[in-house]
Amino acid sequence: MLSLETLIGRLAADGVEMIVVGALAAVAQGAAISTHDLDIVHRRTDANLQRLVTSLLALDARDRGRDDILRPTVEILRGTGHSLLQTSWGPIDVLEAIEGERDYDALLPDTIELTIAGHSIRLLSLAKIVEIKRTSTRFKDRQMLPVLEETLRRR
């Protein structure tokens, strides 16, 4: 059963310090787009990495790009790049940083807090999402940009 709300709720309940970025952050702020995964940028402290791994293992997370089952570890998540995972509740992309090497600390000032699944969750602001998408060369990002800009204008 796919439930991005379940994914967010579990991570938040386990105390994972994260920022929801990407399409789901935009949807939560009123954008009429669809998404099928959860993208997060996480704080990279030892304690938070341990909380994140514990939470991901409870969600039955495994690497999406491998035939064998590779489970997330602190060492993997401490590395650079992205971990593209599948859970029993849907896909989650655990990102070290997003465009322009923006990590958790760099993104934090551009976040808002919303209550999702009964938890206070940090989301990248719609204004920041639009700013980032405007410089993107990815077709998918350019395609959703008019909807994001219109949503931002109406807010």
C-alpha atoms as a PDB file:
ATOM      1  CA  MET A   1       0.000   0.000   0.000  1.00  0.00           C
ATOM      2  CA  LEU A   2       1.542   3.299  -1.105  1.00  0.00           C
ATOM      3  CA  SER A   3       1.283   6.183   1.326  1.00  0.00           C
ATOM      4  CA  LEU A   4       3.652   9.125   1.250  1.00  0.00           C
ATOM      5  CA  GLU A   5       1.880  10.398   4.378  1.00  0.00           C
ATOM      6  CA  THR A   6       2.870   7.175   6.175  1.00  0.00           C
ATOM      7  CA  LEU A   7       6.493   7.668   5.106  1.00  0.00           C
ATOM      8  CA  ILE A   8       6.592  11.255   6.331  1.00  0.00           C
ATOM      9  CA  GLY A   9       4.798  10.372   9.548  1.00  0.00           C
ATOM     10  CA  ARG A  10       7.189   7.558  10.395  1.00  0.00           C
ATOM     11  CA  LEU A  11      10.300   9.646   9.731  1.00  0.00           C
ATOM     12  CA  ALA A  12       8.907  12.535  11.793  1.00  0.00           C
ATOM     13  CA  ALA A  13       7.806  10.260  14.641  1.00  0.00           C
ATOM     14  CA  ASP A  14      11.341   8.885  14.790  1.00  0.00           C
ATOM     15  CA  GLY A  15      12.740  12.410  15.125  1.00  0.00           C
ATOM     16  CA  VAL A  16      14.487  12.539  11.750  1.00  0.00           C
ATOM     17  CA  GLU A  17      15.602  16.074  10.947  1.00  0.00           C
ATOM     18  CA  MET A  18      14.699  16.524   7.293  1.00  0.00           C
ATOM     19  CA  ILE A  19      13.337  18.943   4.741  1.00  0.00           C
ATOM     20  CA  VAL A  20      10.752  17.713   2.258  1.00  0.00           C
ATOM     21  CA  VAL A  21      11.790  19.031  -1.152  1.00  0.00           C
ATOM     22  CA  GLY A  22      10.539  18.501  -4.680  1.00  0.00           C
ATOM     23  CA  ALA A  23       7.028  17.900  -5.917  1.00  0.00           C
ATOM     24  CA  LEU A  24       5.499  16.771  -2.624  1.00  0.00           C
ATOM     25  CA  ALA A  25       6.609  20.007  -0.939  1.00  0.00           C
ATOM     26  CA  ALA A  26       4.947  21.942  -3.763  1.00  0.00           C
ATOM     27  CA  VAL A  27       1.754  19.841  -3.567  1.00  0.00           C
ATOM     28  CA  ALA A  28       1.522  20.480   0.186  1.00  0.00           C
ATOM     29  CA  GLN A  29       1.629  24.204  -0.605  1.00  0.00           C
ATOM     30  CA  GLY A  30      -1.212  24.025  -3.106  1.00  0.00           C
ATOM     31  CA  ALA A  31       0.411  23.138  -6.438  1.00  0.00           C
ATOM     32  CA  ALA A  32      -1.822  21.051  -8.691  1.00  0.00           C
ATOM     33  CA  ILE A  33       0.805  18.538  -9.736  1.00  0.00           C
ATOM     34  CA  SER A  34       1.212  14.874  -8.935  1.00  0.00           C
ATOM     35  CA  THR A  35       4.052  12.920  -7.449  1.00  0.00           C
ATOM     36  CA  HIS A  36       4.660   9.338  -6.498  1.00  0.00           C
ATOM     37  CA  ASP A  37       7.708   9.661  -4.276  1.00  0.00           C
ATOM     38  CA  LEU A  38       9.028  11.505  -1.254  1.00  0.00           C
ATOM     39  CA  ASP A  39      12.224  13.549  -1.651  1.00  0.00           C
ATOM     40  CA  ILE A  40      14.044  14.637   1.502  1.00  0.00           C
ATOM     41  CA  VAL A  41      17.281  16.383   2.353  1.00  0.00           C
ATOM     42  CA  HIS A  42      18.415  15.255   5.787  1.00  0.00           C
ATOM     43  CA  ARG A  43      20.638  16.786   8.448  1.00  0.00           C
ATOM     44  CA  ARG A  44      23.907  14.860   8.335  1.00  0.00           C
ATOM     45  CA  THR A  45      24.794  14.606  12.030  1.00  0.00           C
ATOM     46  CA  ASP A  46      25.700  11.188  13.439  1.00  0.00           C
ATOM     47  CA  ALA A  47      22.616  11.095  15.664  1.00  0.00           C
ATOM     48  CA  ASN A  48      20.264  12.077  12.845  1.00  0.00           C
ATOM     49  CA  LEU A  49      21.817   9.572  10.437  1.00  0.00           C
ATOM     50  CA  GLN A  50      21.207   6.841  13.009  1.00  0.00           C
ATOM     51  CA  ARG A  51      17.572   7.920  13.473  1.00  0.00           C
ATOM     52  CA  LEU A  52      17.119   8.016   9.697  1.00  0.00           C
ATOM     53  CA  VAL A  53      18.548   4.522   9.185  1.00  0.00           C
ATOM     54  CA  THR A  54      16.442   3.096  12.021  1.00  0.00           C
ATOM     55  CA  SER A  55      13.333   4.658  10.513  1.00  0.00           C
ATOM     56  CA  LEU A  56      14.150   3.517   6.963  1.00  0.00           C
ATOM     57  CA  LEU A  57      14.762  -0.056   8.092  1.00  0.00           C
ATOM     58  CA  ALA A  58      11.405  -0.060   9.913  1.00  0.00           C
ATOM     59  CA  LEU A  59       9.859   1.056   6.603  1.00  0.00           C
ATOM     60  CA  ASP A  60      11.540  -1.913   4.846  1.00  0.00           C
ATOM     61  CA  ALA A  61      13.684   0.414   2.708  1.00  0.00           C
ATOM     62  CA  ARG A  62      15.938  -1.078   0.065  1.00  0.00           C
ATOM     63  CA  ASP A  63      17.937   0.275  -2.866  1.00  0.00           C
ATOM     64  CA  ARG A  64      15.723   0.730  -5.958  1.00  0.00           C
ATOM     65  CA  GLY A  65      18.552   0.313  -8.431  1.00  0.00           C
ATOM     66  CA  ARG A  66      19.804  -3.135  -7.471  1.00  0.00           C
ATOM     67  CA  ASP A  67      18.564  -6.656  -8.034  1.00  0.00           C
ATOM     68  CA  ASP A  68      19.861  -7.805  -4.658  1.00  0.00           C
ATOM     69  CA  ILE A  69      18.391  -6.252  -1.539  1.00  0.00           C
ATOM     70  CA  LEU A  70      20.703  -3.529  -0.282  1.00  0.00           C
ATOM     71  CA  ARG A  71      19.526  -1.894   2.939  1.00  0.00           C
ATOM     72  CA  PRO A  72      20.486   1.651   3.937  1.00  0.00           C
ATOM     73  CA  THR A  73      23.276   2.100   6.476  1.00  0.00           C
ATOM     74  CA  VAL A  74      24.757   5.098   8.244  1.00  0.00           C
ATOM     75  CA  GLU A  75      27.887   4.719   6.099  1.00  0.00           C
ATOM     76  CA  ILE A  76      25.898   4.777   2.856  1.00  0.00           C
ATOM     77  CA  LEU A  77      23.837   7.807   3.906  1.00  0.00           C
ATOM     78  CA  ARG A  78      26.934   9.641   5.148  1.00  0.00           C
ATOM     79  CA  GLY A  79      28.406   9.400   1.633  1.00  0.00           C
ATOM     80  CA  THR A  80      27.855  11.862  -1.148  1.00  0.00           C
ATOM     81  CA  GLY A  81      24.993  11.726  -3.587  1.00  0.00           C
ATOM     82  CA  HIS A  82      21.499  10.303  -3.417  1.00  0.00           C
ATOM     83  CA  SER A  83      20.016   7.102  -2.051  1.00  0.00           C
ATOM     84  CA  LEU A  84      17.021   6.085  -4.144  1.00  0.00           C
ATOM     85  CA  LEU A  85      15.017   3.717  -1.989  1.00  0.00           C
ATOM     86  CA  GLN A  86      11.828   1.691  -2.210  1.00  0.00           C
ATOM     87  CA  THR A  87       9.775   1.031   0.917  1.00  0.00           C
ATOM     88  CA  SER A  88       6.593  -0.918   1.535  1.00  0.00           C
ATOM     89  CA  TRP A  89       4.760   2.450   1.497  1.00  0.00           C
ATOM     90  CA  GLY A  90       6.355   3.905  -1.639  1.00  0.00           C
ATOM     91  CA  PRO A  91       9.598   5.336  -2.977  1.00  0.00           C
ATOM     92  CA  ILE A  92      11.769   7.783  -1.053  1.00  0.00           C
ATOM     93  CA  ASP A  93      14.780   9.676  -2.360  1.00  0.00           C
ATOM     94  CA  VAL A  94      17.200  10.492   0.448  1.00  0.00           C
ATOM     95  CA  LEU A  95      19.328  13.366  -0.829  1.00  0.00           C
ATOM     96  CA  GLU A  96      22.581  14.710   0.526  1.00  0.00           C
ATOM     97  CA  ALA A  97      21.848  18.023  -1.201  1.00  0.00           C
ATOM     98  CA  ILE A  98      19.855  19.436  -4.107  1.00  0.00           C
ATOM     99  CA  GLU A  99      20.773  21.699  -7.010  1.00  0.00           C
ATOM    100  CA  GLY A 100      23.647  24.050  -6.308  1.00  0.00           C
ATOM    101  CA  GLU A 101      24.974  21.841  -3.497  1.00  0.00           C
ATOM    102  CA  ARG A 102      22.218  23.075  -1.188  1.00  0.00           C
ATOM    103  CA  ASP A 103      22.338  20.826   1.875  1.00  0.00           C
ATOM    104  CA  TYR A 104      20.076  20.790   4.943  1.00  0.00           C
ATOM    105  CA  ASP A 105      21.730  23.789   6.604  1.00  0.00           C
ATOM    106  CA  ALA A 106      21.714  25.854   3.404  1.00  0.00           C
ATOM    107  CA  LEU A 107      18.021  25.099   2.768  1.00  0.00           C
ATOM    108  CA  LEU A 108      16.802  25.594   6.342  1.00  0.00           C
ATOM    109  CA  PRO A 109      16.218  29.378   6.070  1.00  0.00           C
ATOM    110  CA  ASP A 110      13.976  28.771   3.037  1.00  0.00           C
ATOM    111  CA  THR A 111      11.606  26.322   4.738  1.00  0.00           C
ATOM    112  CA  ILE A 112       8.114  26.524   6.141  1.00  0.00           C
ATOM    113  CA  GLU A 113       6.488  24.235   8.685  1.00  0.00           C
ATOM    114  CA  LEU A 114       3.241  22.389   8.059  1.00  0.00           C
ATOM    115  CA  THR A 115       1.460  19.685   9.983  1.00  0.00           C
ATOM    116  CA  ILE A 116       1.370  16.450   8.000  1.00  0.00           C
ATOM    117  CA  ALA A 117       0.302  13.114   9.449  1.00  0.00           C
ATOM    118  CA  GLY A 118       0.030  14.811  12.844  1.00  0.00           C
ATOM    119  CA  HIS A 119       3.656  15.989  12.837  1.00  0.00           C
ATOM    120  CA  SER A 120       5.300  19.335  12.227  1.00  0.00           C
ATOM    121  CA  ILE A 121       7.260  18.898   8.994  1.00  0.00           C
ATOM    122  CA  ARG A 122       9.735  21.251   7.336  1.00  0.00           C
ATOM    123  CA  LEU A 123       9.085  21.843   3.639  1.00  0.00           C
ATOM    124  CA  LEU A 124      11.114  23.800   1.153  1.00  0.00           C
ATOM    125  CA  SER A 125       9.150  26.984   0.474  1.00  0.00           C
ATOM    126  CA  LEU A 126       7.288  27.221  -2.795  1.00  0.00           C
ATOM    127  CA  ALA A 127       9.213  30.396  -3.647  1.00  0.00           C
ATOM    128  CA  LYS A 128      12.522  28.520  -3.279  1.00  0.00           C
ATOM    129  CA  ILE A 129      11.232  25.554  -5.286  1.00  0.00           C
ATOM    130  CA  VAL A 130      10.275  27.916  -8.125  1.00  0.00           C
ATOM    131  CA  GLU A 131      13.664  29.646  -7.944  1.00  0.00           C
ATOM    132  CA  ILE A 132      15.466  26.309  -8.230  1.00  0.00           C
ATOM    133  CA  LYS A 133      13.214  24.984 -11.020  1.00  0.00           C
ATOM    134  CA  ARG A 134      13.785  28.153 -13.069  1.00  0.00           C
ATOM    135  CA  THR A 135      17.460  27.253 -13.409  1.00  0.00           C
ATOM    136  CA  SER A 136      16.926  23.545 -13.984  1.00  0.00           C
ATOM    137  CA  THR A 137      17.689  21.952 -17.330  1.00  0.00           C
ATOM    138  CA  ARG A 138      15.611  18.835 -16.581  1.00  0.00           C
ATOM    139  CA  PHE A 139      12.556  18.506 -18.857  1.00  0.00           C
ATOM    140  CA  LYS A 140      10.358  17.370 -15.963  1.00  0.00           C
ATOM    141  CA  ASP A 141      11.244  20.484 -13.935  1.00  0.00           C
ATOM    142  CA  ARG A 142      10.698  22.856 -16.850  1.00  0.00           C
ATOM    143  CA  GLN A 143       7.352  21.204 -17.580  1.00  0.00           C
ATOM    144  CA  MET A 144       5.961  21.790 -14.071  1.00  0.00           C
ATOM    145  CA  LEU A 145       7.362  25.317 -13.728  1.00  0.00           C
ATOM    146  CA  PRO A 146       4.286  27.179 -15.108  1.00  0.00           C
ATOM    147  CA  VAL A 147       2.010  25.422 -12.589  1.00  0.00           C
ATOM    148  CA  LEU A 148       4.390  26.208  -9.729  1.00  0.00           C
ATOM    149  CA  GLU A 149       4.713  29.849 -10.779  1.00  0.00           C
ATOM    150  CA  GLU A 150       0.934  30.229 -11.039  1.00  0.00           C
ATOM    151  CA  THR A 151       0.463  28.640  -7.613  1.00  0.00           C
ATOM    152  CA  LEU A 152       3.039  31.008  -6.145  1.00  0.00           C
ATOM    153  CA  ARG A 153       1.413  34.012  -7.842  1.00  0.00           C
ATOM    154  CA  ARG A 154      -2.002  33.086  -6.429  1.00  0.00           C
ATOM    155  CA  ARG A 155      -0.639  32.715  -2.903  1.00  0.00           C
END
